[in-house]
């Protein structure tokens, strides 16, 4: 199910693409934590892993999503739908 622009004009396409690049465990942890509002213990139980592994999946997923947002993007520009989202480049523009 592709994301669309919501009623507030927030463009979700970049989020869908960023989520697709996460590992299955990272994506599940992020979705369960932020969309289903589950605790780390509940996420661990559902994923069949320890709480420390669930924390790791969540932290790595958050880090990857954070990296998908351009440095010049602020929360305000994302909410206003004005952000031009491009993948970040590593050191040296690579």
C-alpha atoms as a PDB file:
ATOM      1  CA  UNK A   1       0.000   0.000   0.000  1.00  0.00           C
ATOM      2  CA  UNK A   2       1.824   3.145  -1.132  1.00  0.00           C
ATOM      3  CA  UNK A   3       1.775   6.213   1.049  1.00  0.00           C
ATOM      4  CA  UNK A   4      -0.056   9.258  -0.252  1.00  0.00           C
ATOM      5  CA  UNK A   5      -0.067  12.880   0.750  1.00  0.00           C
ATOM      6  CA  UNK A   6      -2.267  13.109   3.829  1.00  0.00           C
ATOM      7  CA  UNK A   7      -4.835  15.752   4.716  1.00  0.00           C
ATOM      8  CA  UNK A   8      -2.115  17.982   6.175  1.00  0.00           C
ATOM      9  CA  UNK A   9      -0.073  17.793   2.959  1.00  0.00           C
ATOM     10  CA  UNK A  10       2.642  15.544   4.425  1.00  0.00           C
ATOM     11  CA  UNK A  11       4.350  13.538   1.681  1.00  0.00           C
ATOM     12  CA  UNK A  12       5.008   9.976   2.809  1.00  0.00           C
ATOM     13  CA  UNK A  13       6.829   8.629  -0.255  1.00  0.00           C
ATOM     14  CA  UNK A  14      10.280   9.179   1.251  1.00  0.00           C
ATOM     15  CA  UNK A  15       9.231   7.318   4.396  1.00  0.00           C
ATOM     16  CA  UNK A  16       7.904   4.370   2.410  1.00  0.00           C
ATOM     17  CA  UNK A  17      11.177   4.158   0.461  1.00  0.00           C
ATOM     18  CA  UNK A  18      13.258   4.440   3.629  1.00  0.00           C
ATOM     19  CA  UNK A  19      11.221   1.753   5.405  1.00  0.00           C
ATOM     20  CA  UNK A  20      11.623  -0.564   2.420  1.00  0.00           C
ATOM     21  CA  UNK A  21      15.414  -0.341   2.795  1.00  0.00           C
ATOM     22  CA  UNK A  22      15.339  -1.512   6.422  1.00  0.00           C
ATOM     23  CA  UNK A  23      15.857  -5.142   7.341  1.00  0.00           C
ATOM     24  CA  UNK A  24      12.685  -7.078   8.111  1.00  0.00           C
ATOM     25  CA  UNK A  25      13.442  -6.981  11.859  1.00  0.00           C
ATOM     26  CA  UNK A  26      14.275  -3.260  11.871  1.00  0.00           C
ATOM     27  CA  UNK A  27      11.134  -2.387   9.892  1.00  0.00           C
ATOM     28  CA  UNK A  28       8.962  -4.482  12.204  1.00  0.00           C
ATOM     29  CA  UNK A  29      10.487  -2.914  15.325  1.00  0.00           C
ATOM     30  CA  UNK A  30       9.991   0.634  14.007  1.00  0.00           C
ATOM     31  CA  UNK A  31       6.415   0.007  12.880  1.00  0.00           C
ATOM     32  CA  UNK A  32       5.477  -1.745  16.114  1.00  0.00           C
ATOM     33  CA  UNK A  33       7.027   1.008  18.250  1.00  0.00           C
ATOM     34  CA  UNK A  34       5.751   4.062  16.402  1.00  0.00           C
ATOM     35  CA  UNK A  35       2.580   2.981  14.637  1.00  0.00           C
ATOM     36  CA  UNK A  36       1.328   0.371  17.099  1.00  0.00           C
ATOM     37  CA  UNK A  37       2.786   2.099  20.194  1.00  0.00           C
ATOM     38  CA  UNK A  38       4.174  -1.143  21.656  1.00  0.00           C
ATOM     39  CA  UNK A  39       6.851  -1.334  24.341  1.00  0.00           C
ATOM     40  CA  UNK A  40      10.278  -2.846  23.690  1.00  0.00           C
ATOM     41  CA  UNK A  41       9.245  -5.900  25.736  1.00  0.00           C
ATOM     42  CA  UNK A  42       6.135  -6.366  23.567  1.00  0.00           C
ATOM     43  CA  UNK A  43       8.184  -5.921  20.385  1.00  0.00           C
ATOM     44  CA  UNK A  44      10.708  -8.497  21.597  1.00  0.00           C
ATOM     45  CA  UNK A  45       7.934 -10.985  22.311  1.00  0.00           C
ATOM     46  CA  UNK A  46       6.365 -10.513  18.872  1.00  0.00           C
ATOM     47  CA  UNK A  47       9.716 -10.748  17.080  1.00  0.00           C
ATOM     48  CA  UNK A  48      10.806 -13.747  19.156  1.00  0.00           C
ATOM     49  CA  UNK A  49      14.010 -12.105  20.353  1.00  0.00           C
ATOM     50  CA  UNK A  50      15.486 -10.678  23.544  1.00  0.00           C
ATOM     51  CA  UNK A  51      14.664  -7.158  24.671  1.00  0.00           C
ATOM     52  CA  UNK A  52      18.249  -6.102  23.963  1.00  0.00           C
ATOM     53  CA  UNK A  53      17.947  -7.413  20.389  1.00  0.00           C
ATOM     54  CA  UNK A  54      14.630  -5.560  19.987  1.00  0.00           C
ATOM     55  CA  UNK A  55      16.298  -2.358  21.240  1.00  0.00           C
ATOM     56  CA  UNK A  56      19.095  -2.887  18.709  1.00  0.00           C
ATOM     57  CA  UNK A  57      16.639  -3.427  15.830  1.00  0.00           C
ATOM     58  CA  UNK A  58      14.769  -0.294  16.852  1.00  0.00           C
ATOM     59  CA  UNK A  59      17.910   1.827  17.236  1.00  0.00           C
ATOM     60  CA  UNK A  60      19.358   0.723  13.904  1.00  0.00           C
ATOM     61  CA  UNK A  61      16.009   1.260  12.174  1.00  0.00           C
ATOM     62  CA  UNK A  62      15.688   4.768  13.627  1.00  0.00           C
ATOM     63  CA  UNK A  63      19.248   5.554  12.613  1.00  0.00           C
ATOM     64  CA  UNK A  64      18.626   4.426   9.024  1.00  0.00           C
ATOM     65  CA  UNK A  65      15.418   6.476   8.830  1.00  0.00           C
ATOM     66  CA  UNK A  66      17.208   9.504  10.237  1.00  0.00           C
ATOM     67  CA  UNK A  67      19.884   9.103   7.556  1.00  0.00           C
ATOM     68  CA  UNK A  68      17.173   9.072   4.861  1.00  0.00           C
ATOM     69  CA  UNK A  69      16.107  12.635   5.723  1.00  0.00           C
ATOM     70  CA  UNK A  70      18.267  15.286   4.047  1.00  0.00           C
ATOM     71  CA  UNK A  71      20.396  17.402   6.367  1.00  0.00           C
ATOM     72  CA  UNK A  72      18.666  20.574   5.210  1.00  0.00           C
ATOM     73  CA  UNK A  73      15.243  19.165   6.064  1.00  0.00           C
ATOM     74  CA  UNK A  74      13.591  20.263   9.281  1.00  0.00           C
ATOM     75  CA  UNK A  75      10.460  18.953  10.922  1.00  0.00           C
ATOM     76  CA  UNK A  76       8.659  22.086   9.774  1.00  0.00           C
ATOM     77  CA  UNK A  77       9.520  21.555   6.104  1.00  0.00           C
ATOM     78  CA  UNK A  78       8.493  17.911   6.309  1.00  0.00           C
ATOM     79  CA  UNK A  79       5.178  18.854   7.879  1.00  0.00           C
ATOM     80  CA  UNK A  80       4.641  21.587   5.312  1.00  0.00           C
ATOM     81  CA  UNK A  81       5.380  19.140   2.487  1.00  0.00           C
ATOM     82  CA  UNK A  82       8.078  21.426   1.134  1.00  0.00           C
ATOM     83  CA  UNK A  83      11.096  19.193   1.647  1.00  0.00           C
ATOM     84  CA  UNK A  84      12.930  18.011  -1.400  1.00  0.00           C
ATOM     85  CA  UNK A  85      14.081  14.594  -0.266  1.00  0.00           C
ATOM     86  CA  UNK A  86      17.200  13.088  -1.737  1.00  0.00           C
ATOM     87  CA  UNK A  87      19.373  10.344  -0.270  1.00  0.00           C
ATOM     88  CA  UNK A  88      22.278  11.496   1.857  1.00  0.00           C
ATOM     89  CA  UNK A  89      25.736  11.028   0.473  1.00  0.00           C
ATOM     90  CA  UNK A  90      28.653   9.791   2.521  1.00  0.00           C
ATOM     91  CA  UNK A  91      31.927  11.640   3.019  1.00  0.00           C
ATOM     92  CA  UNK A  92      33.269  13.014  -0.233  1.00  0.00           C
ATOM     93  CA  UNK A  93      29.787  13.012  -1.807  1.00  0.00           C
ATOM     94  CA  UNK A  94      29.838   9.262  -2.428  1.00  0.00           C
END
